[in-house]
N, C-alpha and C. Protein backbone atom coordinates (compact mmCIF):
# COMPACT_ATOMS: atom_id res chain seq x y z
N UNK A 1 0.85 -1.20 0.00
CA UNK A 1 0.00 0.00 0.00
C UNK A 1 0.88 1.25 0.00
N UNK A 2 0.54 2.19 -0.85
CA UNK A 2 1.30 3.42 -0.90
C UNK A 2 1.04 4.28 0.32
N UNK A 3 2.06 4.97 0.74
CA UNK A 3 1.93 5.85 1.89
C UNK A 3 1.98 7.30 1.43
N UNK A 4 1.30 8.15 2.19
CA UNK A 4 1.32 9.57 1.89
C UNK A 4 2.46 10.20 2.68
N UNK A 5 3.44 10.72 1.99
CA UNK A 5 4.59 11.33 2.64
C UNK A 5 4.32 12.82 2.82
N UNK A 6 4.42 13.27 4.05
CA UNK A 6 4.22 14.68 4.33
C UNK A 6 5.56 15.39 4.27
N UNK A 7 5.71 16.31 3.34
CA UNK A 7 6.96 17.04 3.21
C UNK A 7 7.21 17.91 4.42
N UNK A 8 8.43 17.92 4.87
CA UNK A 8 8.79 18.77 6.00
C UNK A 8 8.65 20.23 5.64
N UNK A 9 8.54 20.50 4.37
CA UNK A 9 8.45 21.89 3.93
C UNK A 9 7.03 22.36 3.77
N UNK A 10 6.05 21.47 3.90
CA UNK A 10 4.68 21.86 3.61
C UNK A 10 3.83 21.95 4.86
N UNK A 11 3.92 20.99 5.76
CA UNK A 11 3.05 21.00 6.95
C UNK A 11 3.75 20.28 8.09
N UNK A 12 3.46 20.66 9.32
CA UNK A 12 4.16 20.07 10.46
C UNK A 12 3.41 18.89 11.04
N UNK A 13 4.17 17.92 11.52
CA UNK A 13 3.58 16.85 12.32
C UNK A 13 3.47 17.38 13.73
N UNK A 14 2.45 17.00 14.45
CA UNK A 14 2.20 17.58 15.77
C UNK A 14 3.38 17.39 16.71
N UNK A 15 3.95 16.20 16.74
CA UNK A 15 5.01 15.94 17.70
C UNK A 15 6.39 16.21 17.15
N UNK A 16 6.53 16.17 15.84
CA UNK A 16 7.86 16.33 15.26
C UNK A 16 8.17 17.77 14.91
N UNK A 17 7.14 18.56 14.58
CA UNK A 17 7.34 19.94 14.19
C UNK A 17 8.40 20.06 13.11
N UNK A 18 8.20 19.36 12.02
CA UNK A 18 9.20 19.38 10.96
C UNK A 18 9.24 20.71 10.23
N UNK A 19 8.11 21.37 10.15
CA UNK A 19 8.12 22.65 9.46
C UNK A 19 6.92 23.45 9.88
N UNK A 20 6.35 24.22 8.97
CA UNK A 20 5.30 25.14 9.34
C UNK A 20 4.12 24.40 9.92
N UNK A 21 3.61 24.84 11.07
CA UNK A 21 2.54 24.15 11.78
C UNK A 21 1.25 24.02 10.99
N UNK A 22 0.45 23.06 11.39
CA UNK A 22 -0.83 22.83 10.74
C UNK A 22 -1.78 23.98 10.97
N UNK A 23 -1.41 24.92 11.83
CA UNK A 23 -2.24 26.10 12.06
C UNK A 23 -2.42 26.87 10.77
N UNK A 24 -1.52 26.64 9.81
CA UNK A 24 -1.63 27.32 8.53
C UNK A 24 -2.63 26.64 7.62
N UNK A 25 -3.33 25.63 8.15
CA UNK A 25 -4.35 24.89 7.43
C UNK A 25 -3.71 23.83 6.55
N UNK A 26 -3.61 22.61 7.10
CA UNK A 26 -2.97 21.51 6.40
C UNK A 26 -3.66 21.12 5.12
N UNK A 27 -4.87 21.65 4.86
CA UNK A 27 -5.56 21.30 3.62
C UNK A 27 -5.12 22.14 2.43
N UNK A 28 -4.33 23.17 2.68
CA UNK A 28 -3.88 24.00 1.58
C UNK A 28 -2.85 23.22 0.77
N UNK A 29 -2.97 23.29 -0.54
CA UNK A 29 -2.05 22.56 -1.39
C UNK A 29 -0.89 23.41 -1.84
N UNK A 30 0.00 22.80 -2.62
CA UNK A 30 1.17 23.51 -3.12
C UNK A 30 0.76 24.72 -3.93
N UNK A 31 -0.36 24.62 -4.67
CA UNK A 31 -0.79 25.73 -5.51
C UNK A 31 -1.11 26.98 -4.70
N UNK A 32 -1.36 26.82 -3.39
CA UNK A 32 -1.69 27.96 -2.54
C UNK A 32 -0.45 28.68 -2.04
N UNK A 33 0.73 28.07 -2.19
CA UNK A 33 1.94 28.67 -1.61
C UNK A 33 3.03 28.83 -2.66
N UNK A 34 2.64 29.19 -3.88
CA UNK A 34 3.60 29.34 -4.95
C UNK A 34 4.72 30.33 -4.60
N UNK A 35 4.34 31.45 -3.96
CA UNK A 35 5.32 32.49 -3.67
C UNK A 35 6.34 32.05 -2.64
N UNK A 36 6.03 30.98 -1.91
CA UNK A 36 6.95 30.53 -0.87
C UNK A 36 8.25 30.02 -1.46
N UNK A 37 8.23 29.62 -2.71
CA UNK A 37 9.43 29.11 -3.36
C UNK A 37 10.57 30.10 -3.32
N UNK A 38 10.27 31.39 -3.50
CA UNK A 38 11.32 32.42 -3.45
C UNK A 38 11.97 32.46 -2.08
N UNK A 39 11.16 32.36 -1.04
CA UNK A 39 11.68 32.38 0.33
C UNK A 39 12.57 31.17 0.58
N UNK A 40 12.13 30.00 0.10
CA UNK A 40 12.92 28.78 0.27
C UNK A 40 14.28 28.94 -0.38
N UNK A 41 14.31 29.52 -1.57
CA UNK A 41 15.58 29.71 -2.26
C UNK A 41 16.50 30.64 -1.47
N UNK A 42 15.94 31.69 -0.88
CA UNK A 42 16.75 32.60 -0.08
C UNK A 42 17.33 31.86 1.13
N UNK A 43 16.52 30.97 1.72
CA UNK A 43 16.98 30.22 2.88
C UNK A 43 18.14 29.29 2.51
N UNK A 44 17.98 28.56 1.42
CA UNK A 44 19.03 27.62 1.02
C UNK A 44 20.31 28.36 0.67
N UNK A 45 20.19 29.52 0.04
CA UNK A 45 21.38 30.31 -0.29
C UNK A 45 22.06 30.81 0.98
N UNK A 46 21.25 31.21 1.96
CA UNK A 46 21.79 31.70 3.23
C UNK A 46 22.56 30.60 3.95
N UNK A 47 21.97 29.40 3.98
CA UNK A 47 22.63 28.27 4.64
C UNK A 47 23.93 27.93 3.93
N UNK A 48 23.88 27.92 2.60
CA UNK A 48 25.07 27.60 1.81
C UNK A 48 26.20 28.58 2.11
N UNK A 49 25.83 29.82 2.37
CA UNK A 49 26.83 30.85 2.65
C UNK A 49 27.22 30.91 4.13
N UNK A 50 26.84 29.86 4.88
CA UNK A 50 27.24 29.76 6.29
C UNK A 50 26.73 30.94 7.12
N UNK A 51 25.41 31.16 7.08
CA UNK A 51 24.80 32.23 7.88
C UNK A 51 25.16 32.04 9.34
N UNK A 52 25.73 33.08 9.95
CA UNK A 52 26.24 32.98 11.32
C UNK A 52 25.14 32.67 12.33
N UNK A 53 23.98 33.30 12.18
CA UNK A 53 22.88 33.09 13.13
C UNK A 53 22.39 31.66 13.09
N UNK A 54 22.25 31.10 11.90
CA UNK A 54 21.79 29.72 11.77
C UNK A 54 22.81 28.76 12.36
N UNK A 55 24.09 29.01 12.07
CA UNK A 55 25.13 28.16 12.61
C UNK A 55 25.16 28.23 14.15
N UNK A 56 25.00 29.43 14.70
CA UNK A 56 25.01 29.60 16.15
C UNK A 56 23.80 28.94 16.79
N UNK A 57 22.66 28.96 16.11
CA UNK A 57 21.44 28.37 16.69
C UNK A 57 21.52 26.86 16.78
N UNK A 58 22.47 26.26 16.09
CA UNK A 58 22.66 24.82 16.15
C UNK A 58 23.52 24.40 17.35
N UNK A 59 24.11 25.39 18.01
CA UNK A 59 24.95 25.11 19.17
C UNK A 59 24.13 25.24 20.46
N UNK A 60 24.61 24.67 21.57
CA UNK A 60 23.90 24.85 22.84
C UNK A 60 23.78 26.33 23.18
N UNK A 61 22.63 26.74 23.67
CA UNK A 61 22.39 28.14 23.99
C UNK A 61 23.33 28.61 25.10
N UNK A 62 23.89 29.79 24.92
CA UNK A 62 24.78 30.36 25.92
C UNK A 62 24.02 31.34 26.80
N UNK A 63 24.26 31.29 28.08
CA UNK A 63 23.63 32.19 29.04
C UNK A 63 22.11 32.14 28.98
N UNK A 64 21.58 30.99 28.58
CA UNK A 64 20.14 30.82 28.55
C UNK A 64 19.44 31.55 27.42
N UNK A 65 20.19 32.17 26.51
CA UNK A 65 19.61 32.91 25.40
C UNK A 65 19.53 32.02 24.15
N UNK A 66 18.31 31.77 23.70
CA UNK A 66 18.11 30.94 22.51
C UNK A 66 18.05 31.82 21.27
N UNK A 67 18.90 31.53 20.32
CA UNK A 67 18.98 32.33 19.09
C UNK A 67 17.85 31.96 18.14
N UNK A 68 17.17 32.99 17.62
CA UNK A 68 16.15 32.81 16.60
C UNK A 68 16.67 33.45 15.32
N UNK A 69 17.12 32.65 14.34
CA UNK A 69 17.63 33.22 13.10
C UNK A 69 16.54 33.99 12.34
N UNK A 70 16.86 35.21 11.95
CA UNK A 70 15.89 36.03 11.22
C UNK A 70 15.47 35.35 9.92
N UNK A 71 16.40 34.61 9.32
CA UNK A 71 16.09 33.91 8.08
C UNK A 71 14.97 32.90 8.28
N UNK A 72 15.00 32.19 9.40
CA UNK A 72 13.94 31.22 9.68
C UNK A 72 12.60 31.92 9.89
N UNK A 73 12.63 33.05 10.57
CA UNK A 73 11.40 33.81 10.81
C UNK A 73 10.83 34.31 9.48
N UNK A 74 11.70 34.84 8.63
CA UNK A 74 11.26 35.36 7.33
C UNK A 74 10.64 34.26 6.48
N UNK A 75 11.26 33.06 6.50
CA UNK A 75 10.74 31.96 5.70
C UNK A 75 9.37 31.54 6.20
N UNK A 76 9.22 31.45 7.53
CA UNK A 76 7.93 31.05 8.10
C UNK A 76 6.87 32.12 7.81
N UNK A 77 7.25 33.38 7.92
CA UNK A 77 6.31 34.47 7.66
C UNK A 77 5.84 34.41 6.20
N UNK A 78 6.77 34.19 5.28
CA UNK A 78 6.41 34.10 3.87
C UNK A 78 5.42 32.97 3.64
N UNK A 79 5.62 31.86 4.36
CA UNK A 79 4.69 30.74 4.20
C UNK A 79 3.29 31.14 4.64
N UNK A 80 3.20 31.74 5.82
CA UNK A 80 1.88 32.11 6.35
C UNK A 80 1.18 33.13 5.44
N UNK A 81 1.95 34.07 4.91
CA UNK A 81 1.37 35.04 3.98
C UNK A 81 0.88 34.33 2.73
N UNK A 82 1.69 33.41 2.21
CA UNK A 82 1.30 32.64 1.03
C UNK A 82 0.09 31.77 1.30
N UNK A 83 -0.09 31.39 2.58
CA UNK A 83 -1.21 30.54 2.95
C UNK A 83 -2.47 31.35 3.24
N UNK A 84 -2.38 32.68 3.09
CA UNK A 84 -3.58 33.50 3.19
C UNK A 84 -3.69 34.37 4.43
N UNK A 85 -2.66 34.41 5.27
CA UNK A 85 -2.72 35.23 6.47
C UNK A 85 -2.27 36.66 6.18
N UNK A 86 -2.80 37.60 6.97
CA UNK A 86 -2.39 38.99 6.86
C UNK A 86 -0.98 39.17 7.39
N UNK A 87 -0.37 40.31 7.07
CA UNK A 87 1.01 40.58 7.44
C UNK A 87 1.26 40.43 8.95
N UNK A 88 0.43 41.08 9.76
CA UNK A 88 0.65 41.07 11.20
C UNK A 88 0.48 39.68 11.79
N UNK A 89 -0.58 38.97 11.38
CA UNK A 89 -0.82 37.63 11.91
C UNK A 89 0.26 36.66 11.45
N UNK A 90 0.69 36.82 10.20
CA UNK A 90 1.75 35.96 9.66
C UNK A 90 3.04 36.14 10.46
N UNK A 91 3.33 37.38 10.81
CA UNK A 91 4.55 37.65 11.59
C UNK A 91 4.45 37.06 12.98
N UNK A 92 3.28 37.17 13.60
CA UNK A 92 3.08 36.62 14.94
C UNK A 92 3.22 35.10 14.94
N UNK A 93 2.57 34.45 13.99
CA UNK A 93 2.63 33.00 13.90
C UNK A 93 4.04 32.52 13.57
N UNK A 94 4.72 33.25 12.70
CA UNK A 94 6.09 32.86 12.32
C UNK A 94 7.02 32.92 13.52
N UNK A 95 6.93 34.00 14.28
CA UNK A 95 7.80 34.14 15.45
C UNK A 95 7.53 33.04 16.46
N UNK A 96 6.24 32.74 16.70
CA UNK A 96 5.89 31.68 17.64
C UNK A 96 6.42 30.34 17.17
N UNK A 97 6.27 30.07 15.88
CA UNK A 97 6.75 28.80 15.32
C UNK A 97 8.26 28.64 15.49
N UNK A 98 9.00 29.68 15.15
CA UNK A 98 10.46 29.60 15.23
C UNK A 98 10.91 29.48 16.69
N UNK A 99 10.19 30.12 17.60
CA UNK A 99 10.49 29.94 19.03
C UNK A 99 10.32 28.48 19.42
N UNK A 100 9.21 27.88 19.01
CA UNK A 100 8.92 26.49 19.39
C UNK A 100 9.97 25.54 18.84
N UNK A 101 10.32 25.69 17.58
CA UNK A 101 11.31 24.81 16.97
C UNK A 101 12.64 24.89 17.71
N UNK A 102 13.09 26.11 17.97
CA UNK A 102 14.40 26.27 18.58
C UNK A 102 14.42 25.90 20.06
N UNK A 103 13.29 26.09 20.74
CA UNK A 103 13.20 25.61 22.13
C UNK A 103 13.28 24.10 22.17
N UNK A 104 12.52 23.44 21.31
CA UNK A 104 12.53 21.98 21.28
C UNK A 104 13.91 21.45 20.90
N UNK A 105 14.56 22.13 19.97
CA UNK A 105 15.90 21.70 19.56
C UNK A 105 16.88 21.82 20.73
N UNK A 106 16.82 22.95 21.44
CA UNK A 106 17.72 23.13 22.58
C UNK A 106 17.44 22.12 23.68
N UNK A 107 16.16 21.81 23.90
CA UNK A 107 15.82 20.77 24.88
C UNK A 107 16.39 19.43 24.46
N UNK A 108 16.28 19.14 23.17
CA UNK A 108 16.75 17.86 22.65
C UNK A 108 18.25 17.70 22.85
N UNK A 109 19.02 18.69 22.42
CA UNK A 109 20.47 18.53 22.52
C UNK A 109 20.95 18.59 23.96
N UNK A 110 20.24 19.33 24.80
CA UNK A 110 20.63 19.39 26.22
C UNK A 110 20.37 18.06 26.92
N UNK A 111 19.49 17.26 26.34
CA UNK A 111 19.20 15.93 26.89
C UNK A 111 19.95 14.82 26.14
N UNK A 112 20.91 15.22 25.35
CA UNK A 112 21.78 14.25 24.69
C UNK A 112 21.30 13.74 23.35
N UNK A 113 20.30 14.37 22.76
CA UNK A 113 19.78 13.92 21.46
C UNK A 113 20.43 14.74 20.35
N UNK A 114 21.17 14.06 19.51
CA UNK A 114 21.87 14.72 18.42
C UNK A 114 21.60 13.95 17.12
N UNK A 115 22.14 14.46 16.04
CA UNK A 115 22.02 13.78 14.74
C UNK A 115 23.28 14.07 13.94
N UNK A 116 24.03 13.04 13.65
CA UNK A 116 25.24 13.22 12.84
C UNK A 116 24.85 13.42 11.38
N UNK A 117 25.79 13.92 10.59
CA UNK A 117 25.53 14.08 9.16
C UNK A 117 25.17 12.74 8.53
N UNK A 118 25.83 11.67 8.99
CA UNK A 118 25.55 10.35 8.43
C UNK A 118 24.13 9.91 8.76
N UNK A 119 23.67 10.17 9.99
CA UNK A 119 22.29 9.83 10.37
C UNK A 119 21.29 10.58 9.50
N UNK A 120 21.56 11.85 9.26
CA UNK A 120 20.66 12.65 8.43
C UNK A 120 20.62 12.11 7.01
N UNK A 121 21.78 11.77 6.48
CA UNK A 121 21.83 11.22 5.11
C UNK A 121 21.04 9.91 5.03
N UNK A 122 21.20 9.06 6.03
CA UNK A 122 20.47 7.79 6.03
C UNK A 122 18.97 8.03 6.13
N UNK A 123 18.59 9.00 6.93
CA UNK A 123 17.17 9.33 7.06
C UNK A 123 16.62 9.84 5.73
N UNK A 124 17.39 10.68 5.05
CA UNK A 124 16.95 11.20 3.76
C UNK A 124 16.90 10.11 2.71
N UNK A 125 17.82 9.16 2.78
CA UNK A 125 17.79 8.02 1.85
C UNK A 125 16.49 7.24 2.02
N UNK A 126 16.07 7.10 3.27
CA UNK A 126 14.80 6.41 3.54
C UNK A 126 13.63 7.19 2.98
N UNK A 127 13.66 8.51 3.15
CA UNK A 127 12.58 9.35 2.62
C UNK A 127 12.54 9.29 1.10
N UNK A 128 13.71 9.23 0.48
CA UNK A 128 13.76 9.15 -0.99
C UNK A 128 13.09 7.87 -1.48
N UNK A 129 13.31 6.77 -0.76
CA UNK A 129 12.69 5.50 -1.14
C UNK A 129 11.18 5.58 -0.97
N UNK A 130 10.73 6.18 0.14
CA UNK A 130 9.30 6.31 0.39
C UNK A 130 8.65 7.23 -0.64
N UNK A 131 9.39 8.24 -1.06
CA UNK A 131 8.88 9.21 -2.02
C UNK A 131 8.47 8.54 -3.33
N UNK A 132 9.24 7.52 -3.73
CA UNK A 132 8.98 6.86 -5.01
C UNK A 132 7.60 6.21 -5.07
N UNK A 133 7.05 5.79 -3.93
CA UNK A 133 5.75 5.12 -3.92
C UNK A 133 4.71 5.89 -3.11
N UNK A 134 4.99 7.16 -2.82
CA UNK A 134 4.07 7.96 -2.00
C UNK A 134 2.80 8.30 -2.77
N UNK A 135 1.68 8.33 -2.04
CA UNK A 135 0.41 8.70 -2.65
C UNK A 135 0.45 10.12 -3.20
N UNK A 136 1.12 11.00 -2.49
CA UNK A 136 1.16 12.40 -2.89
C UNK A 136 2.46 12.77 -3.60
N UNK A 137 2.99 11.83 -4.38
CA UNK A 137 4.24 12.06 -5.09
C UNK A 137 4.16 13.28 -5.99
N UNK A 138 3.03 13.46 -6.68
CA UNK A 138 2.89 14.60 -7.58
C UNK A 138 2.93 15.91 -6.82
N UNK A 139 2.30 15.93 -5.64
CA UNK A 139 2.31 17.14 -4.81
C UNK A 139 3.73 17.48 -4.37
N UNK A 140 4.46 16.44 -3.95
CA UNK A 140 5.83 16.66 -3.52
C UNK A 140 6.71 17.10 -4.68
N UNK A 141 6.47 16.51 -5.86
CA UNK A 141 7.25 16.87 -7.03
C UNK A 141 7.03 18.33 -7.41
N UNK A 142 5.77 18.77 -7.25
CA UNK A 142 5.46 20.18 -7.54
C UNK A 142 6.25 21.10 -6.62
N UNK A 143 6.42 20.67 -5.37
CA UNK A 143 7.20 21.47 -4.43
C UNK A 143 8.68 21.41 -4.78
N UNK A 144 9.15 20.22 -5.14
CA UNK A 144 10.55 20.08 -5.53
C UNK A 144 10.89 20.97 -6.72
N UNK A 145 9.91 21.15 -7.61
CA UNK A 145 10.13 21.93 -8.82
C UNK A 145 10.42 23.39 -8.52
N UNK A 146 10.18 23.82 -7.28
CA UNK A 146 10.49 25.18 -6.89
C UNK A 146 11.99 25.37 -6.74
N UNK A 147 12.72 24.27 -6.63
CA UNK A 147 14.16 24.33 -6.46
C UNK A 147 14.87 24.24 -7.81
N UNK A 148 16.13 24.58 -7.78
CA UNK A 148 16.92 24.54 -9.01
C UNK A 148 16.93 23.15 -9.61
N UNK A 149 16.99 22.14 -8.75
CA UNK A 149 16.93 20.75 -9.18
C UNK A 149 16.57 19.90 -7.97
N UNK A 150 16.40 18.59 -8.17
CA UNK A 150 15.99 17.73 -7.06
C UNK A 150 17.05 17.68 -5.97
N UNK A 151 18.32 17.71 -6.36
CA UNK A 151 19.38 17.66 -5.35
C UNK A 151 19.32 18.89 -4.45
N UNK A 152 18.96 20.04 -5.01
CA UNK A 152 18.84 21.26 -4.20
C UNK A 152 17.74 21.09 -3.16
N UNK A 153 16.68 20.38 -3.53
CA UNK A 153 15.59 20.11 -2.59
C UNK A 153 16.10 19.27 -1.43
N UNK A 154 16.84 18.20 -1.73
CA UNK A 154 17.33 17.33 -0.67
C UNK A 154 18.41 18.02 0.16
N UNK A 155 19.17 18.92 -0.46
CA UNK A 155 20.14 19.70 0.31
C UNK A 155 19.42 20.58 1.32
N UNK A 156 18.28 21.13 0.89
CA UNK A 156 17.46 21.95 1.80
C UNK A 156 16.95 21.09 2.95
N UNK A 157 16.47 19.89 2.63
CA UNK A 157 15.97 18.98 3.68
C UNK A 157 17.09 18.61 4.65
N UNK A 158 18.30 18.46 4.13
CA UNK A 158 19.44 18.13 4.98
C UNK A 158 19.61 19.19 6.06
N UNK A 159 19.50 20.46 5.67
CA UNK A 159 19.65 21.54 6.64
C UNK A 159 18.50 21.54 7.64
N UNK A 160 17.26 21.29 7.17
CA UNK A 160 16.10 21.25 8.05
C UNK A 160 16.27 20.17 9.12
N UNK A 161 16.77 19.01 8.71
CA UNK A 161 16.86 17.88 9.64
C UNK A 161 17.99 18.00 10.64
N UNK A 162 18.86 18.98 10.48
CA UNK A 162 19.88 19.21 11.50
C UNK A 162 19.23 19.54 12.84
N UNK A 163 18.10 20.23 12.77
CA UNK A 163 17.33 20.51 13.99
C UNK A 163 16.21 19.51 14.17
N UNK A 164 15.60 19.13 13.08
CA UNK A 164 14.39 18.32 13.20
C UNK A 164 14.65 16.90 13.67
N UNK A 165 15.73 16.27 13.23
CA UNK A 165 15.96 14.88 13.61
C UNK A 165 16.22 14.72 15.11
N UNK A 166 17.04 15.58 15.72
CA UNK A 166 17.17 15.49 17.18
C UNK A 166 15.82 15.69 17.88
N UNK A 167 15.00 16.62 17.36
CA UNK A 167 13.69 16.86 17.95
C UNK A 167 12.82 15.61 17.82
N UNK A 168 12.83 14.98 16.66
CA UNK A 168 12.05 13.76 16.46
C UNK A 168 12.44 12.68 17.47
N UNK A 169 13.75 12.46 17.61
CA UNK A 169 14.23 11.42 18.50
C UNK A 169 13.87 11.73 19.96
N UNK A 170 14.02 12.98 20.33
CA UNK A 170 13.71 13.43 21.69
C UNK A 170 12.22 13.26 22.00
N UNK A 171 11.37 13.71 21.08
CA UNK A 171 9.93 13.63 21.32
C UNK A 171 9.40 12.20 21.26
N UNK A 172 10.02 11.37 20.43
CA UNK A 172 9.60 9.98 20.35
C UNK A 172 9.82 9.28 21.69
N UNK A 173 10.96 9.56 22.31
CA UNK A 173 11.25 8.95 23.61
C UNK A 173 10.36 9.52 24.71
N UNK A 174 10.08 10.81 24.62
CA UNK A 174 9.18 11.42 25.62
C UNK A 174 7.78 10.83 25.51
N UNK A 175 7.31 10.66 24.28
CA UNK A 175 5.98 10.08 24.10
C UNK A 175 5.95 8.64 24.60
N UNK A 176 6.98 7.87 24.28
CA UNK A 176 7.04 6.48 24.72
C UNK A 176 7.00 6.40 26.25
N UNK A 177 7.77 7.26 26.92
CA UNK A 177 7.79 7.26 28.37
C UNK A 177 6.42 7.63 28.93
N UNK A 178 5.79 8.62 28.34
CA UNK A 178 4.47 9.07 28.80
C UNK A 178 3.45 7.95 28.65
N UNK A 179 3.45 7.28 27.50
CA UNK A 179 2.49 6.21 27.26
C UNK A 179 2.70 5.06 28.24
N UNK A 180 3.97 4.75 28.52
CA UNK A 180 4.27 3.66 29.46
C UNK A 180 3.79 4.03 30.86
N UNK A 181 3.95 5.28 31.24
CA UNK A 181 3.54 5.72 32.58
C UNK A 181 2.02 5.74 32.72
N UNK A 182 1.32 6.03 31.63
CA UNK A 182 -0.13 6.18 31.69
C UNK A 182 -0.89 4.88 31.44
N UNK A 183 -0.23 3.90 30.83
CA UNK A 183 -0.91 2.64 30.54
C UNK A 183 -1.12 1.85 31.82
N UNK A 184 -2.32 1.32 32.00
CA UNK A 184 -2.63 0.55 33.20
C UNK A 184 -1.84 -0.74 33.23
N UNK A 185 -1.66 -1.29 34.41
CA UNK A 185 -0.86 -2.50 34.57
C UNK A 185 -1.40 -3.67 33.76
N UNK A 186 -2.72 -3.77 33.63
CA UNK A 186 -3.27 -4.89 32.89
C UNK A 186 -3.28 -4.63 31.39
N UNK A 187 -2.79 -3.44 31.00
CA UNK A 187 -2.66 -3.14 29.58
C UNK A 187 -3.96 -2.89 28.87
N UNK A 188 -5.04 -2.63 29.59
CA UNK A 188 -6.34 -2.47 28.96
C UNK A 188 -6.67 -1.01 28.62
N UNK A 189 -5.85 -0.09 29.09
CA UNK A 189 -6.11 1.31 28.78
C UNK A 189 -6.01 1.54 27.27
N UNK A 190 -6.98 2.26 26.73
CA UNK A 190 -7.00 2.51 25.29
C UNK A 190 -5.79 3.35 24.87
N UNK A 191 -4.97 2.80 23.99
CA UNK A 191 -3.76 3.49 23.56
C UNK A 191 -4.07 4.78 22.80
N UNK A 192 -5.10 4.75 21.95
CA UNK A 192 -5.44 5.94 21.18
C UNK A 192 -5.84 7.09 22.09
N UNK A 193 -6.58 6.77 23.15
CA UNK A 193 -6.99 7.80 24.09
C UNK A 193 -5.77 8.40 24.79
N UNK A 194 -4.83 7.54 25.14
CA UNK A 194 -3.61 8.02 25.81
C UNK A 194 -2.79 8.88 24.86
N UNK A 195 -2.74 8.49 23.59
CA UNK A 195 -2.00 9.28 22.61
C UNK A 195 -2.62 10.66 22.47
N UNK A 196 -3.95 10.72 22.55
CA UNK A 196 -4.62 12.01 22.51
C UNK A 196 -4.23 12.86 23.70
N UNK A 197 -4.13 12.22 24.87
CA UNK A 197 -3.70 12.92 26.08
C UNK A 197 -2.27 13.43 25.92
N UNK A 198 -1.42 12.59 25.28
CA UNK A 198 -0.03 13.00 25.09
C UNK A 198 0.05 14.23 24.19
N UNK A 199 -0.75 14.28 23.14
CA UNK A 199 -0.72 15.43 22.25
C UNK A 199 -1.06 16.71 22.99
N UNK A 200 -2.03 16.64 23.90
CA UNK A 200 -2.38 17.80 24.72
C UNK A 200 -1.24 18.13 25.67
N UNK A 201 -0.65 17.10 26.27
CA UNK A 201 0.46 17.29 27.20
C UNK A 201 1.66 17.90 26.47
N UNK A 202 1.89 17.41 25.26
CA UNK A 202 3.01 17.92 24.46
C UNK A 202 2.84 19.40 24.17
N UNK A 203 1.62 19.80 23.76
CA UNK A 203 1.36 21.20 23.48
C UNK A 203 1.55 22.05 24.73
N UNK A 204 1.11 21.54 25.87
CA UNK A 204 1.25 22.26 27.13
C UNK A 204 2.74 22.46 27.47
N UNK A 205 3.51 21.38 27.35
CA UNK A 205 4.93 21.45 27.67
C UNK A 205 5.66 22.40 26.73
N UNK A 206 5.29 22.34 25.46
CA UNK A 206 5.95 23.18 24.45
C UNK A 206 5.69 24.66 24.74
N UNK A 207 4.43 25.00 24.99
CA UNK A 207 4.09 26.39 25.26
C UNK A 207 4.74 26.88 26.55
N UNK A 208 4.78 26.01 27.57
CA UNK A 208 5.40 26.38 28.84
C UNK A 208 6.89 26.64 28.65
N UNK A 209 7.54 25.79 27.84
CA UNK A 209 8.97 25.95 27.59
C UNK A 209 9.26 27.26 26.88
N UNK A 210 8.40 27.62 25.93
CA UNK A 210 8.56 28.88 25.20
C UNK A 210 8.42 30.06 26.15
N UNK A 211 7.41 30.02 27.01
CA UNK A 211 7.17 31.12 27.93
C UNK A 211 8.30 31.28 28.95
N UNK A 212 8.97 30.18 29.28
CA UNK A 212 10.03 30.22 30.28
C UNK A 212 11.40 30.54 29.68
N UNK A 213 11.49 30.64 28.36
CA UNK A 213 12.76 30.83 27.70
C UNK A 213 13.03 32.28 27.31
N UNK A 214 14.31 32.61 27.16
CA UNK A 214 14.72 33.93 26.69
C UNK A 214 15.25 33.78 25.27
N UNK A 215 14.90 34.73 24.43
CA UNK A 215 15.28 34.64 23.03
C UNK A 215 15.99 35.90 22.55
N UNK A 216 16.79 35.72 21.53
CA UNK A 216 17.42 36.84 20.86
C UNK A 216 17.34 36.57 19.36
N UNK A 217 16.82 37.55 18.61
CA UNK A 217 16.68 37.41 17.15
C UNK A 217 17.95 37.94 16.49
N UNK A 218 18.49 37.15 15.60
CA UNK A 218 19.71 37.56 14.88
C UNK A 218 19.52 37.36 13.36
């Protein structure tokens, strides 16, 4: 059976936060965000040129100050605008999103969750295989076409997963621990219900972490 692959560049998974949150309306298709391609290109060029803020945000936060790269904020804002939001709301949502991503990333690495270049490459190799039989292959291809070529798309994903893969690993273990703690001894507790509870708990923890953190935009 073919699987539907959700691009990290199109919509976020609730627990993984791979990219722009579903608050932007996960039903919007690629045709609704055509202008976002320009922003993506600016981001990839910035990363290629070793943007100092992005490089610094990948390191453990110093003095409790979490760096929010302006490039990431601009990219998220462009997405929200392309998805139909007004300028002010798009800016608010973008800032909140970038705060959440970088807070989760800092939590992940502070708890020992990292991702080597080799791990990222292996993860992308797996995604490439899934892409070949994905239900939404045409949708993903339309997004890839925004890049200079397919390799440029995967290079972009490589940069995204520098933060996202540690977050995925960290949140997967947190969810597993939560489910184990909440499951009754006889194992009869409904797993789906517990997973719903975890999603609420995750959102609560994420928002609390953002409110308790200090940020600096660069």
